[in-house]
C-alpha atoms as a PDB file:
ATOM      1  CA  MET A   1      29.493   4.435 -19.034  1.00  0.00           C
ATOM      2  CA  PRO A   2      26.651   3.334 -16.724  1.00  0.00           C
ATOM      3  CA  SER A   3      24.664   6.060 -14.955  1.00  0.00           C
ATOM      4  CA  HIS A   4      23.434   5.335 -11.385  1.00  0.00           C
ATOM      5  CA  GLY A   5      24.066   1.636 -12.019  1.00  0.00           C
ATOM      6  CA  VAL A   6      21.968   1.545 -15.199  1.00  0.00           C
ATOM      7  CA  PRO A   7      23.809   0.931 -18.478  1.00  0.00           C
ATOM      8  CA  ARG A   8      23.205   3.644 -21.023  1.00  0.00           C
ATOM      9  CA  SER A   9      21.419   2.490 -24.139  1.00  0.00           C
ATOM     10  CA  LYS A  10      22.778   3.686 -27.438  1.00  0.00           C
ATOM     11  CA  PRO A  11      20.607   6.283 -29.201  1.00  0.00           C
ATOM     12  CA  VAL A  12      18.634   4.814 -32.067  1.00  0.00           C
ATOM     13  CA  GLU A  13      20.127   5.870 -35.370  1.00  0.00           C
ATOM     14  CA  LYS A  14      17.627   7.606 -37.638  1.00  0.00           C
ATOM     15  CA  SER A  15      17.398   6.385 -41.163  1.00  0.00           C
ATOM     16  CA  ALA A  16      18.418   8.679 -43.997  1.00  0.00           C
ATOM     17  CA  GLU A  17      14.763   8.935 -45.033  1.00  0.00           C
ATOM     18  CA  ALA A  18      13.683   9.945 -41.504  1.00  0.00           C
ATOM     19  CA  ARG A  19      16.410  12.602 -41.327  1.00  0.00           C
ATOM     20  CA  GLN A  20      15.371  13.943 -44.712  1.00  0.00           C
ATOM     21  CA  GLN A  21      11.706  14.182 -43.657  1.00  0.00           C
ATOM     22  CA  GLU A  22      12.709  15.948 -40.463  1.00  0.00           C
ATOM     23  CA  GLN A  23      14.815  18.447 -42.393  1.00  0.00           C
ATOM     24  CA  GLN A  24      11.939  19.090 -44.787  1.00  0.00           C
ATOM     25  CA  LYS A  25       9.668  19.934 -41.853  1.00  0.00           C
ATOM     26  CA  ILE A  26      12.275  22.343 -40.484  1.00  0.00           C
ATOM     27  CA  ASP A  27      12.723  23.998 -43.870  1.00  0.00           C
ATOM     28  CA  THR A  28       8.939  24.324 -44.348  1.00  0.00           C
ATOM     29  CA  TYR A  29       8.583  25.889 -40.896  1.00  0.00           C
ATOM     30  CA  ARG A  30      11.413  28.360 -41.544  1.00  0.00           C
ATOM     31  CA  ASP A  31       9.968  29.328 -44.924  1.00  0.00           C
ATOM     32  CA  LEU A  32       6.595  29.962 -43.290  1.00  0.00           C
ATOM     33  CA  GLU A  33       8.226  31.986 -40.516  1.00  0.00           C
ATOM     34  CA  ARG A  34      10.080  34.166 -43.052  1.00  0.00           C
ATOM     35  CA  LEU A  35       6.908  34.651 -45.112  1.00  0.00           C
ATOM     36  CA  VAL A  36       4.869  35.776 -42.107  1.00  0.00           C
ATOM     37  CA  SER A  37       7.616  38.103 -40.912  1.00  0.00           C
ATOM     38  CA  ALA A  38       7.890  39.685 -44.378  1.00  0.00           C
ATOM     39  CA  LYS A  39       4.120  40.242 -44.620  1.00  0.00           C
ATOM     40  CA  VAL A  40       4.010  41.897 -41.209  1.00  0.00           C
ATOM     41  CA  THR A  41       7.052  44.055 -42.005  1.00  0.00           C
ATOM     42  CA  GLU A  42       5.267  45.234 -45.162  1.00  0.00           C
ATOM     43  CA  HIS A  43       2.120  45.935 -43.122  1.00  0.00           C
ATOM     44  CA  GLU A  44       0.109  43.385 -45.079  1.00  0.00           C
ATOM     45  CA  TYR A  45      -2.474  43.051 -42.328  1.00  0.00           C
ATOM     46  CA  THR A  46      -4.864  40.970 -44.413  1.00  0.00           C
ATOM     47  CA  LEU A  47      -6.975  37.897 -43.713  1.00  0.00           C
ATOM     48  CA  ASP A  48      -4.491  35.909 -45.803  1.00  0.00           C
ATOM     49  CA  THR A  49      -1.690  36.985 -43.446  1.00  0.00           C
ATOM     50  CA  LEU A  50      -3.888  35.972 -40.522  1.00  0.00           C
ATOM     51  CA  LYS A  51      -4.278  32.527 -42.099  1.00  0.00           C
ATOM     52  CA  LYS A  52      -0.503  32.145 -42.479  1.00  0.00           C
ATOM     53  CA  ILE A  53       0.001  33.177 -38.838  1.00  0.00           C
ATOM     54  CA  SER A  54      -2.532  30.494 -37.881  1.00  0.00           C
ATOM     55  CA  GLU A  55      -0.442  27.889 -39.711  1.00  0.00           C
ATOM     56  CA  LEU A  56       2.677  29.077 -37.906  1.00  0.00           C
ATOM     57  CA  LEU A  57       1.104  29.030 -34.445  1.00  0.00           C
ATOM     58  CA  SER A  58      -0.447  25.615 -35.052  1.00  0.00           C
ATOM     59  CA  LYS A  59       3.090  24.327 -35.555  1.00  0.00           C
ATOM     60  CA  ASN A  60       4.594  26.282 -32.645  1.00  0.00           C
ATOM     61  CA  PRO A  61       2.259  28.007 -30.146  1.00  0.00           C
ATOM     62  CA  GLU A  62       5.237  28.960 -27.958  1.00  0.00           C
ATOM     63  CA  TYR A  63       6.394  31.439 -30.644  1.00  0.00           C
ATOM     64  CA  TYR A  64       5.210  34.558 -28.751  1.00  0.00           C
ATOM     65  CA  THR A  65       6.245  36.992 -31.506  1.00  0.00           C
ATOM     66  CA  ALA A  66       3.674  35.398 -33.801  1.00  0.00           C
ATOM     67  CA  TRP A  67       0.950  36.116 -31.235  1.00  0.00           C
ATOM     68  CA  ASN A  68       1.945  39.787 -31.391  1.00  0.00           C
ATOM     69  CA  TYR A  69       1.784  39.617 -35.182  1.00  0.00           C
ATOM     70  CA  ARG A  70      -1.740  38.254 -34.860  1.00  0.00           C
ATOM     71  CA  ARG A  71      -2.771  41.131 -32.598  1.00  0.00           C
ATOM     72  CA  ARG A  72      -1.490  43.658 -35.151  1.00  0.00           C
ATOM     73  CA  VAL A  73      -3.470  42.093 -37.986  1.00  0.00           C
ATOM     74  CA  LEU A  74      -6.678  41.918 -35.964  1.00  0.00           C
ATOM     75  CA  ARG A  75      -6.313  45.474 -34.670  1.00  0.00           C
ATOM     76  CA  HIS A  76      -6.062  46.596 -38.289  1.00  0.00           C
ATOM     77  CA  GLN A  77      -9.136  44.572 -39.215  1.00  0.00           C
ATOM     78  CA  PHE A  78     -11.078  46.030 -36.260  1.00  0.00           C
ATOM     79  CA  ALA A  79     -10.052  49.567 -37.239  1.00  0.00           C
ATOM     80  CA  GLN A  80     -11.272  48.967 -40.772  1.00  0.00           C
ATOM     81  CA  ALA A  81     -14.742  48.256 -39.431  1.00  0.00           C
ATOM     82  CA  GLY A  82     -17.053  51.146 -38.559  1.00  0.00           C
ATOM     83  CA  ASP A  83     -19.827  51.556 -36.012  1.00  0.00           C
ATOM     84  CA  SER A  84     -22.768  50.211 -37.994  1.00  0.00           C
ATOM     85  CA  ASP A  85     -24.598  47.009 -37.037  1.00  0.00           C
ATOM     86  CA  GLU A  86     -23.033  45.291 -40.048  1.00  0.00           C
ATOM     87  CA  ASP A  87     -19.526  46.302 -38.962  1.00  0.00           C
ATOM     88  CA  THR A  88     -20.242  45.164 -35.392  1.00  0.00           C
ATOM     89  CA  GLY A  89     -21.213  41.818 -36.886  1.00  0.00           C
ATOM     90  CA  THR A  90     -17.877  41.695 -38.718  1.00  0.00           C
ATOM     91  CA  ILE A  91     -15.941  42.303 -35.484  1.00  0.00           C
ATOM     92  CA  LEU A  92     -18.049  39.702 -33.681  1.00  0.00           C
ATOM     93  CA  GLN A  93     -17.279  37.174 -36.411  1.00  0.00           C
ATOM     94  CA  LEU A  94     -13.538  37.911 -36.341  1.00  0.00           C
ATOM     95  CA  ILE A  95     -13.323  37.503 -32.572  1.00  0.00           C
ATOM     96  CA  SER A  96     -15.538  34.397 -32.519  1.00  0.00           C
ATOM     97  CA  SER A  97     -13.489  32.737 -35.258  1.00  0.00           C
ATOM     98  CA  ASP A  98     -10.248  33.498 -33.455  1.00  0.00           C
ATOM     99  CA  LEU A  99     -11.570  32.113 -30.162  1.00  0.00           C
ATOM    100  CA  GLN A 100     -12.560  28.949 -32.032  1.00  0.00           C
ATOM    101  CA  PHE A 101      -9.080  28.695 -33.576  1.00  0.00           C
ATOM    102  CA  LEU A 102      -7.549  28.614 -30.088  1.00  0.00           C
ATOM    103  CA  ILE A 103      -9.600  25.691 -28.722  1.00  0.00           C
ATOM    104  CA  PRO A 104      -7.628  22.822 -30.322  1.00  0.00           C
ATOM    105  CA  LEU A 105      -4.397  24.591 -29.342  1.00  0.00           C
ATOM    106  CA  LEU A 106      -5.514  24.785 -25.719  1.00  0.00           C
ATOM    107  CA  LYS A 107      -6.422  21.090 -25.762  1.00  0.00           C
ATOM    108  CA  SER A 108      -2.971  20.175 -27.066  1.00  0.00           C
ATOM    109  CA  PHE A 109      -1.017  22.774 -25.052  1.00  0.00           C
ATOM    110  CA  PRO A 110      -3.139  23.516 -21.925  1.00  0.00           C
ATOM    111  CA  LYS A 111      -0.218  25.070 -20.041  1.00  0.00           C
ATOM    112  CA  CYS A 112       1.052  27.423 -22.741  1.00  0.00           C
ATOM    113  CA  TYR A 113       0.903  30.944 -21.278  1.00  0.00           C
ATOM    114  CA  TRP A 114       0.809  32.643 -24.686  1.00  0.00           C
ATOM    115  CA  ILE A 115      -2.461  30.988 -25.697  1.00  0.00           C
ATOM    116  CA  TRP A 116      -4.181  31.952 -22.427  1.00  0.00           C
ATOM    117  CA  ASN A 117      -2.850  35.525 -22.612  1.00  0.00           C
ATOM    118  CA  TYR A 118      -3.932  35.955 -26.207  1.00  0.00           C
ATOM    119  CA  ARG A 119      -7.384  34.560 -25.470  1.00  0.00           C
ATOM    120  CA  LEU A 120      -7.856  37.096 -22.687  1.00  0.00           C
ATOM    121  CA  TRP A 121      -6.759  39.861 -25.042  1.00  0.00           C
ATOM    122  CA  LEU A 122      -9.408  38.765 -27.539  1.00  0.00           C
ATOM    123  CA  LEU A 123     -12.117  38.810 -24.898  1.00  0.00           C
ATOM    124  CA  ASP A 124     -10.992  42.235 -23.713  1.00  0.00           C
ATOM    125  CA  GLU A 125     -11.305  43.448 -27.305  1.00  0.00           C
ATOM    126  CA  ALA A 126     -14.850  42.076 -27.347  1.00  0.00           C
ATOM    127  CA  ARG A 127     -15.568  44.025 -24.185  1.00  0.00           C
ATOM    128  CA  ARG A 128     -14.103  47.186 -25.737  1.00  0.00           C
ATOM    129  CA  LEU A 129     -15.618  46.960 -29.215  1.00  0.00           C
ATOM    130  CA  LEU A 130     -18.930  45.142 -28.885  1.00  0.00           C
ATOM    131  CA  PRO A 131     -22.235  46.162 -27.273  1.00  0.00           C
ATOM    132  CA  LEU A 132     -22.531  45.091 -23.620  1.00  0.00           C
ATOM    133  CA  MET A 133     -24.996  42.274 -24.286  1.00  0.00           C
ATOM    134  CA  GLU A 134     -22.836  40.628 -26.962  1.00  0.00           C
ATOM    135  CA  ALA A 135     -19.649  41.069 -24.913  1.00  0.00           C
ATOM    136  CA  ARG A 136     -21.202  39.585 -21.773  1.00  0.00           C
ATOM    137  CA  GLN A 137     -22.582  36.628 -23.715  1.00  0.00           C
ATOM    138  CA  MET A 138     -19.088  35.941 -25.063  1.00  0.00           C
ATOM    139  CA  TRP A 139     -17.612  36.001 -21.545  1.00  0.00           C
ATOM    140  CA  GLN A 140     -20.396  33.689 -20.303  1.00  0.00           C
ATOM    141  CA  GLN A 141     -19.546  31.231 -23.060  1.00  0.00           C
ATOM    142  CA  GLU A 142     -15.941  31.440 -21.911  1.00  0.00           C
ATOM    143  CA  LEU A 143     -16.953  30.460 -18.376  1.00  0.00           C
ATOM    144  CA  ALA A 144     -18.730  27.401 -19.777  1.00  0.00           C
ATOM    145  CA  LEU A 145     -15.639  26.496 -21.797  1.00  0.00           C
ATOM    146  CA  VAL A 146     -13.235  26.740 -18.866  1.00  0.00           C
ATOM    147  CA  GLY A 147     -15.691  24.626 -16.853  1.00  0.00           C
ATOM    148  CA  LYS A 148     -15.390  21.864 -19.460  1.00  0.00           C
ATOM    149  CA  MET A 149     -11.611  22.168 -19.431  1.00  0.00           C
ATOM    150  CA  LEU A 150     -11.460  21.830 -15.652  1.00  0.00           C
ATOM    151  CA  THR A 151     -13.694  18.770 -15.872  1.00  0.00           C
ATOM    152  CA  LEU A 152     -11.049  17.190 -18.115  1.00  0.00           C
ATOM    153  CA  ASP A 153      -8.134  18.392 -15.962  1.00  0.00           C
ATOM    154  CA  SER A 154      -9.434  19.556 -12.593  1.00  0.00           C
ATOM    155  CA  ARG A 155      -5.981  20.490 -11.272  1.00  0.00           C
ATOM    156  CA  ASN A 156      -4.888  22.710 -14.154  1.00  0.00           C
ATOM    157  CA  PHE A 157      -3.533  25.755 -12.321  1.00  0.00           C
ATOM    158  CA  HIS A 158      -3.728  27.913 -15.451  1.00  0.00           C
ATOM    159  CA  GLY A 159      -7.363  26.966 -15.903  1.00  0.00           C
ATOM    160  CA  TRP A 160      -8.280  27.944 -12.339  1.00  0.00           C
ATOM    161  CA  GLY A 161      -6.522  31.297 -12.604  1.00  0.00           C
ATOM    162  CA  TYR A 162      -8.251  31.911 -15.905  1.00  0.00           C
ATOM    163  CA  ARG A 163     -11.644  31.021 -14.425  1.00  0.00           C
ATOM    164  CA  ARG A 164     -11.108  33.510 -11.604  1.00  0.00           C
ATOM    165  CA  PHE A 165     -10.386  36.278 -14.127  1.00  0.00           C
ATOM    166  CA  VAL A 166     -13.421  35.400 -16.274  1.00  0.00           C
ATOM    167  CA  VAL A 167     -15.729  35.428 -13.244  1.00  0.00           C
ATOM    168  CA  GLU A 168     -14.408  38.791 -12.043  1.00  0.00           C
ATOM    169  CA  THR A 169     -14.979  40.272 -15.491  1.00  0.00           C
ATOM    170  CA  LEU A 170     -18.529  38.905 -15.653  1.00  0.00           C
ATOM    171  CA  LYS A 171     -19.206  40.530 -12.291  1.00  0.00           C
ATOM    172  CA  GLU A 172     -18.040  43.875 -13.673  1.00  0.00           C
ATOM    173  CA  LEU A 173     -20.257  43.454 -16.737  1.00  0.00           C
ATOM    174  CA  GLY A 174     -23.335  42.628 -14.652  1.00  0.00           C
ATOM    175  CA  THR A 175     -25.383  44.184 -11.847  1.00  0.00           C
ATOM    176  CA  ALA A 176     -24.417  44.074  -8.154  1.00  0.00           C
ATOM    177  CA  GLU A 177     -27.099  41.434  -7.592  1.00  0.00           C
ATOM    178  CA  GLU A 178     -25.756  39.308 -10.446  1.00  0.00           C
ATOM    179  CA  ALA A 179     -22.215  39.666  -9.094  1.00  0.00           C
ATOM    180  CA  GLN A 180     -23.248  38.422  -5.654  1.00  0.00           C
ATOM    181  CA  GLY A 181     -25.087  35.491  -7.214  1.00  0.00           C
ATOM    182  CA  MET A 182     -21.970  34.553  -9.166  1.00  0.00           C
ATOM    183  CA  THR A 183     -19.800  34.499  -6.041  1.00  0.00           C
ATOM    184  CA  GLN A 184     -22.230  32.105  -4.340  1.00  0.00           C
ATOM    185  CA  THR A 185     -22.366  29.912  -7.447  1.00  0.00           C
ATOM    186  CA  GLU A 186     -18.567  29.788  -7.671  1.00  0.00           C
ATOM    187  CA  PHE A 187     -18.353  28.988  -3.968  1.00  0.00           C
ATOM    188  CA  GLU A 188     -20.572  25.937  -4.504  1.00  0.00           C
ATOM    189  CA  TYR A 189     -18.627  25.032  -7.661  1.00  0.00           C
ATOM    190  CA  ALA A 190     -15.345  24.964  -5.717  1.00  0.00           C
ATOM    191  CA  LYS A 191     -16.960  22.711  -3.101  1.00  0.00           C
ATOM    192  CA  LYS A 192     -18.177  20.345  -5.828  1.00  0.00           C
ATOM    193  CA  MET A 193     -14.699  20.142  -7.359  1.00  0.00           C
ATOM    194  CA  ILE A 194     -13.167  19.508  -3.932  1.00  0.00           C
ATOM    195  CA  GLY A 195     -15.691  16.722  -3.378  1.00  0.00           C
ATOM    196  CA  ALA A 196     -14.597  15.131  -6.650  1.00  0.00           C
ATOM    197  CA  ASN A 197     -10.918  15.320  -5.715  1.00  0.00           C
ATOM    198  CA  LEU A 198      -9.795  16.210  -2.189  1.00  0.00           C
ATOM    199  CA  SER A 199      -6.232  16.695  -3.437  1.00  0.00           C
ATOM    200  CA  ASN A 200      -7.271  19.526  -5.751  1.00  0.00           C
ATOM    201  CA  PHE A 201      -5.091  22.276  -4.279  1.00  0.00           C
ATOM    202  CA  SER A 202      -6.266  24.786  -6.891  1.00  0.00           C
ATOM    203  CA  ALA A 203      -9.911  24.279  -5.866  1.00  0.00           C
ATOM    204  CA  TRP A 204      -9.071  24.750  -2.179  1.00  0.00           C
ATOM    205  CA  HIS A 205      -7.090  27.880  -3.021  1.00  0.00           C
ATOM    206  CA  TYR A 206      -9.971  29.230  -5.114  1.00  0.00           C
ATOM    207  CA  ARG A 207     -12.304  28.669  -2.174  1.00  0.00           C
ATOM    208  CA  THR A 208     -10.148  30.826   0.115  1.00  0.00           C
ATOM    209  CA  LYS A 209     -10.453  33.704  -2.365  1.00  0.00           C
ATOM    210  CA  LEU A 210     -14.222  33.310  -2.632  1.00  0.00           C
ATOM    211  CA  ILE A 211     -14.980  33.229   1.097  1.00  0.00           C
ATOM    212  CA  GLN A 212     -13.847  36.772   1.785  1.00  0.00           C
ATOM    213  CA  SER A 213     -15.674  38.125  -1.286  1.00  0.00           C
ATOM    214  CA  LEU A 214     -18.859  36.303  -0.326  1.00  0.00           C
ATOM    215  CA  LEU A 215     -18.832  37.628   3.241  1.00  0.00           C
ATOM    216  CA  ASP A 216     -18.081  41.185   2.116  1.00  0.00           C
ATOM    217  CA  GLU A 217     -20.782  41.160  -0.572  1.00  0.00           C
ATOM    218  CA  GLN A 218     -23.333  39.906   1.943  1.00  0.00           C
ATOM    219  CA  SER A 219     -22.225  42.475   4.552  1.00  0.00           C
ATOM    220  CA  ALA A 220     -21.988  39.536   6.950  1.00  0.00           C
ATOM    221  CA  ASN A 221     -22.039  40.285  10.671  1.00  0.00           C
ATOM    222  CA  ASP A 222     -19.733  38.661  13.234  1.00  0.00           C
ATOM    223  CA  ASP A 223     -22.117  35.753  13.913  1.00  0.00           C
ATOM    224  CA  GLU A 224     -22.455  34.964  10.212  1.00  0.00           C
ATOM    225  CA  ARG A 225     -18.694  35.143   9.773  1.00  0.00           C
ATOM    226  CA  ARG A 226     -18.167  32.821  12.703  1.00  0.00           C
ATOM    227  CA  LYS A 227     -20.653  30.345  11.241  1.00  0.00           C
ATOM    228  CA  MET A 228     -18.700  30.410   7.980  1.00  0.00           C
ATOM    229  CA  LEU A 229     -15.505  29.639   9.888  1.00  0.00           C
ATOM    230  CA  ASP A 230     -17.192  26.762  11.745  1.00  0.00           C
ATOM    231  CA  ASP A 231     -18.527  25.342   8.479  1.00  0.00           C
ATOM    232  CA  GLU A 232     -15.112  25.518   6.827  1.00  0.00           C
ATOM    233  CA  LEU A 233     -13.410  23.837   9.786  1.00  0.00           C
ATOM    234  CA  SER A 234     -16.049  21.102   9.654  1.00  0.00           C
ATOM    235  CA  LEU A 235     -15.447  20.666   5.911  1.00  0.00           C
ATOM    236  CA  ILE A 236     -11.687  20.320   6.306  1.00  0.00           C
ATOM    237  CA  HIS A 237     -12.116  17.880   9.208  1.00  0.00           C
ATOM    238  CA  GLN A 238     -14.170  15.641   6.912  1.00  0.00           C
ATOM    239  CA  ALA A 239     -11.468  15.915   4.255  1.00  0.00           C
ATOM    240  CA  PHE A 240      -8.765  14.846   6.729  1.00  0.00           C
ATOM    241  CA  ILE A 241      -9.616  11.188   6.116  1.00  0.00           C
ATOM    242  CA  ASP A 242      -6.275  11.401   4.314  1.00  0.00           C
ATOM    243  CA  PRO A 243      -3.883  13.292   6.621  1.00  0.00           C
ATOM    244  CA  TYR A 244      -0.998  12.662   4.217  1.00  0.00           C
ATOM    245  CA  ASP A 245      -2.465  15.107   1.652  1.00  0.00           C
ATOM    246  CA  GLN A 246      -0.473  18.339   1.928  1.00  0.00           C
ATOM    247  CA  SER A 247      -3.085  20.443   0.084  1.00  0.00           C
ATOM    248  CA  LEU A 248      -5.527  19.857   2.956  1.00  0.00           C
ATOM    249  CA  TRP A 249      -3.026  21.158   5.486  1.00  0.00           C
ATOM    250  CA  PHE A 250      -2.457  24.301   3.431  1.00  0.00           C
ATOM    251  CA  TYR A 251      -6.177  25.055   3.575  1.00  0.00           C
ATOM    252  CA  HIS A 252      -6.358  24.286   7.287  1.00  0.00           C
ATOM    253  CA  GLN A 253      -3.381  26.570   7.875  1.00  0.00           C
ATOM    254  CA  ASN A 254      -5.210  29.344   6.027  1.00  0.00           C
ATOM    255  CA  LEU A 255      -8.247  28.914   8.304  1.00  0.00           C
ATOM    256  CA  MET A 256      -6.051  28.918  11.408  1.00  0.00           C
ATOM    257  CA  SER A 257      -4.685  32.355  10.492  1.00  0.00           C
ATOM    258  CA  ALA A 258      -8.009  33.700  11.847  1.00  0.00           C
ATOM    259  CA  PHE A 259      -6.688  32.971  15.345  1.00  0.00           C
ATOM    260  CA  ASP A 260      -3.344  34.719  14.913  1.00  0.00           C
ATOM    261  CA  PRO A 261      -3.610  38.217  16.480  1.00  0.00           C
ATOM    262  CA  ALA A 262      -1.190  39.576  13.859  1.00  0.00           C
ATOM    263  CA  MET A 263      -3.280  38.321  10.928  1.00  0.00           C
ATOM    264  CA  ALA A 264      -6.845  38.225  12.239  1.00  0.00           C
ATOM    265  CA  GLN A 265      -7.895  41.558  10.708  1.00  0.00           C
ATOM    266  CA  ARG A 266      -7.336  40.166   7.219  1.00  0.00           C
ATOM    267  CA  THR A 267      -9.338  36.980   7.795  1.00  0.00           C
ATOM    268  CA  MET A 268     -13.033  36.065   7.693  1.00  0.00           C
ATOM    269  CA  THR A 269     -13.440  36.577  11.479  1.00  0.00           C
ATOM    270  CA  PRO A 270     -11.494  39.701  12.455  1.00  0.00           C
ATOM    271  CA  HIS A 271     -13.302  40.367  15.754  1.00  0.00           C
ATOM    272  CA  LEU A 272     -12.807  37.178  17.766  1.00  0.00           C
ATOM    273  CA  SER A 273     -11.797  37.687  21.390  1.00  0.00           C
ATOM    274  CA  SER A 274      -8.549  36.222  22.711  1.00  0.00           C
ATOM    275  CA  SER A 275     -10.487  33.634  24.714  1.00  0.00           C
ATOM    276  CA  ASP A 276     -12.429  32.629  21.580  1.00  0.00           C
ATOM    277  CA  ARG A 277      -9.217  32.270  19.596  1.00  0.00           C
ATOM    278  CA  LEU A 278      -7.643  30.153  22.283  1.00  0.00           C
ATOM    279  CA  GLU A 279     -10.697  27.914  22.511  1.00  0.00           C
ATOM    280  CA  TYR A 280     -10.634  27.313  18.770  1.00  0.00           C
ATOM    281  CA  ILE A 281      -6.873  26.598  18.719  1.00  0.00           C
ATOM    282  CA  ARG A 282      -7.040  24.123  21.600  1.00  0.00           C
ATOM    283  CA  GLY A 283      -9.997  22.409  19.949  1.00  0.00           C
ATOM    284  CA  GLU A 284      -8.070  22.032  16.693  1.00  0.00           C
ATOM    285  CA  ILE A 285      -5.024  20.680  18.518  1.00  0.00           C
ATOM    286  CA  GLU A 286      -7.216  17.990  20.131  1.00  0.00           C
ATOM    287  CA  GLU A 287      -8.724  17.089  16.742  1.00  0.00           C
ATOM    288  CA  ILE A 288      -5.275  16.779  15.172  1.00  0.00           C
ATOM    289  CA  GLN A 289      -3.859  14.722  18.032  1.00  0.00           C
ATOM    290  CA  GLU A 290      -6.598  12.160  17.441  1.00  0.00           C
ATOM    291  CA  MET A 291      -5.338  11.785  13.850  1.00  0.00           C
ATOM    292  CA  LEU A 292      -2.075  10.345  15.164  1.00  0.00           C
ATOM    293  CA  ASP A 293      -3.864   7.085  15.910  1.00  0.00           C
ATOM    294  CA  GLY A 294      -2.930   5.047  12.836  1.00  0.00           C
ATOM    295  CA  ALA A 295      -0.908   7.848  11.203  1.00  0.00           C
ATOM    296  CA  GLU A 296       2.053   8.094  13.550  1.00  0.00           C
ATOM    297  CA  ASP A 297       4.393   8.444  10.583  1.00  0.00           C
ATOM    298  CA  CYS A 298       2.631  11.521   9.098  1.00  0.00           C
ATOM    299  CA  LYS A 299       4.963  14.504   9.429  1.00  0.00           C
ATOM    300  CA  TYR A 300       2.199  17.006   8.579  1.00  0.00           C
ATOM    301  CA  ILE A 301       0.373  16.136  11.797  1.00  0.00           C
ATOM    302  CA  TYR A 302       3.419  16.877  13.945  1.00  0.00           C
ATOM    303  CA  GLN A 303       4.143  20.093  12.060  1.00  0.00           C
ATOM    304  CA  ALA A 304       0.571  21.275  12.615  1.00  0.00           C
ATOM    305  CA  LEU A 305       0.623  20.345  16.308  1.00  0.00           C
ATOM    306  CA  ILE A 306       3.835  22.310  16.810  1.00  0.00           C
ATOM    307  CA  GLU A 307       2.662  25.329  14.823  1.00  0.00           C
ATOM    308  CA  TYR A 308      -0.711  25.566  16.555  1.00  0.00           C
ATOM    309  CA  THR A 309       0.672  24.985  20.053  1.00  0.00           C
ATOM    310  CA  LEU A 310       3.077  27.870  19.458  1.00  0.00           C
ATOM    311  CA  LEU A 311       0.147  29.913  18.135  1.00  0.00           C
ATOM    312  CA  ALA A 312      -1.742  29.200  21.370  1.00  0.00           C
ATOM    313  CA  SER A 313       1.265  30.443  23.341  1.00  0.00           C
ATOM    314  CA  LYS A 314       1.274  33.594  21.220  1.00  0.00           C
ATOM    315  CA  VAL A 315      -2.354  34.276  22.162  1.00  0.00           C
ATOM    316  CA  GLU A 316      -1.715  33.461  25.832  1.00  0.00           C
ATOM    317  CA  GLY A 317       1.492  35.466  25.971  1.00  0.00           C
ATOM    318  CA  SER A 318       3.841  32.656  26.982  1.00  0.00           C
ATOM    319  CA  LEU A 319       4.695  29.004  26.361  1.00  0.00           C
ATOM    320  CA  SER A 320       3.822  26.815  29.341  1.00  0.00           C
ATOM    321  CA  THR A 321       6.243  24.168  30.610  1.00  0.00           C
ATOM    322  CA  GLU A 322       3.818  21.424  29.642  1.00  0.00           C
ATOM    323  CA  ASP A 323       3.399  22.796  26.092  1.00  0.00           C
ATOM    324  CA  ARG A 324       7.146  23.165  25.753  1.00  0.00           C
ATOM    325  CA  LYS A 325       7.694  19.487  26.632  1.00  0.00           C
ATOM    326  CA  GLN A 326       5.017  18.470  24.170  1.00  0.00           C
ATOM    327  CA  VAL A 327       6.534  20.540  21.357  1.00  0.00           C
ATOM    328  CA  LEU A 328       9.991  19.085  22.038  1.00  0.00           C
ATOM    329  CA  SER A 329       8.498  15.598  21.873  1.00  0.00           C
ATOM    330  CA  TRP A 330       6.873  16.315  18.486  1.00  0.00           C
ATOM    331  CA  LEU A 331      10.111  17.870  17.214  1.00  0.00           C
ATOM    332  CA  SER A 332      11.929  14.683  18.145  1.00  0.00           C
ATOM    333  CA  GLU A 333       9.503  12.723  15.972  1.00  0.00           C
ATOM    334  CA  LEU A 334       9.931  15.192  13.090  1.00  0.00           C
ATOM    335  CA  LYS A 335      13.700  14.903  13.120  1.00  0.00           C
ATOM    336  CA  THR A 336      13.262  11.190  12.450  1.00  0.00           C
ATOM    337  CA  LEU A 337      10.391  11.471   9.942  1.00  0.00           C
ATOM    338  CA  ASP A 338      11.795  14.459   8.046  1.00  0.00           C
ATOM    339  CA  PRO A 339      15.604  14.177   8.144  1.00  0.00           C
ATOM    340  CA  LEU A 340      16.059  16.474   5.140  1.00  0.00           C
ATOM    341  CA  ARG A 341      14.823  19.368   7.285  1.00  0.00           C
ATOM    342  CA  ARG A 342      16.605  18.246  10.427  1.00  0.00           C
ATOM    343  CA  GLU A 343      18.519  21.527  10.724  1.00  0.00           C
ATOM    344  CA  ARG A 344      15.260  23.476  10.576  1.00  0.00           C
ATOM    345  CA  TRP A 345      13.808  21.438  13.443  1.00  0.00           C
ATOM    346  CA  LEU A 346      17.021  21.822  15.428  1.00  0.00           C
ATOM    347  CA  ASP A 347      16.869  25.614  14.977  1.00  0.00           C
ATOM    348  CA  LEU A 348      13.254  25.643  16.158  1.00  0.00           C
ATOM    349  CA  GLU A 349      14.252  23.502  19.123  1.00  0.00           C
ATOM    350  CA  LYS A 350      16.871  26.101  20.117  1.00  0.00           C
ATOM    351  CA  THR A 351      14.308  28.931  20.070  1.00  0.00           C
ATOM    352  CA  LEU A 352      12.286  27.106  22.717  1.00  0.00           C
END
């Protein structure tokens, strides 16, 4: 039977030889799985068992039980080592080799949670078992590695989350001065990645997390915080050459929360006066209205205009007749441009 007007093609029949090869692969995998399970059950936590687990995970990195097997074997190997320099070298070699084993897996399966989780466990073991200098060096190498990965796939959400964790750990392993320097470096890194791809939502999101840390670490005063806000608004205005990019509006929305009396205390500028907030909001509304010239079909512009006009009324204490007419006009446009959410816009219309 055709599906959506497209005739279904018949599945290609596999040859007997192809089916036999496929079955052999399945049988080999199952034999390996049984062998590994038996070795772990018998507490054979040897390097040979570790090698067999490597074979298993190379075939199926989503097999989370095998990652737990691997932890057990390595914990045993770590416990066998003592506290001498030679034993520390053995632990360093075990962890380094395991980190190396994971690299081709991450390249082939960059969004497999189990690989990322296991890698973090390994690095935490390095932090627990190795001298500070060696542990910190290992985490620094990890930052370089995740930088290369994000160069290959700059929008990998897992990679960005992982980078954030690595940076926070490096801050803990360093001095207060080194930690502050890292925040500034990461702030510039996020800006560079945004410059390479304005649609990189993960980079914009990372930047929001860094701003607050940077201001707090620098004990920034109100003027310095306001300058940061002005700079960020200027940056997003430059990025709005493409108003159809939703990631840009998310970042702008985050900045605009600084003018919401209910949220201001948790933003980069908690001490703005009501008149300052209103001035900023009205200025942003004017900027966004200018975007309509040539982008009259962009629903994000109308949504922002409505949201920020209502925010202005929240600061002022009431919605003026003129603002109400304007909002109704923008809602009328939205109902046409975004019919799937028509009921939402009708509900908003009723609240006015």
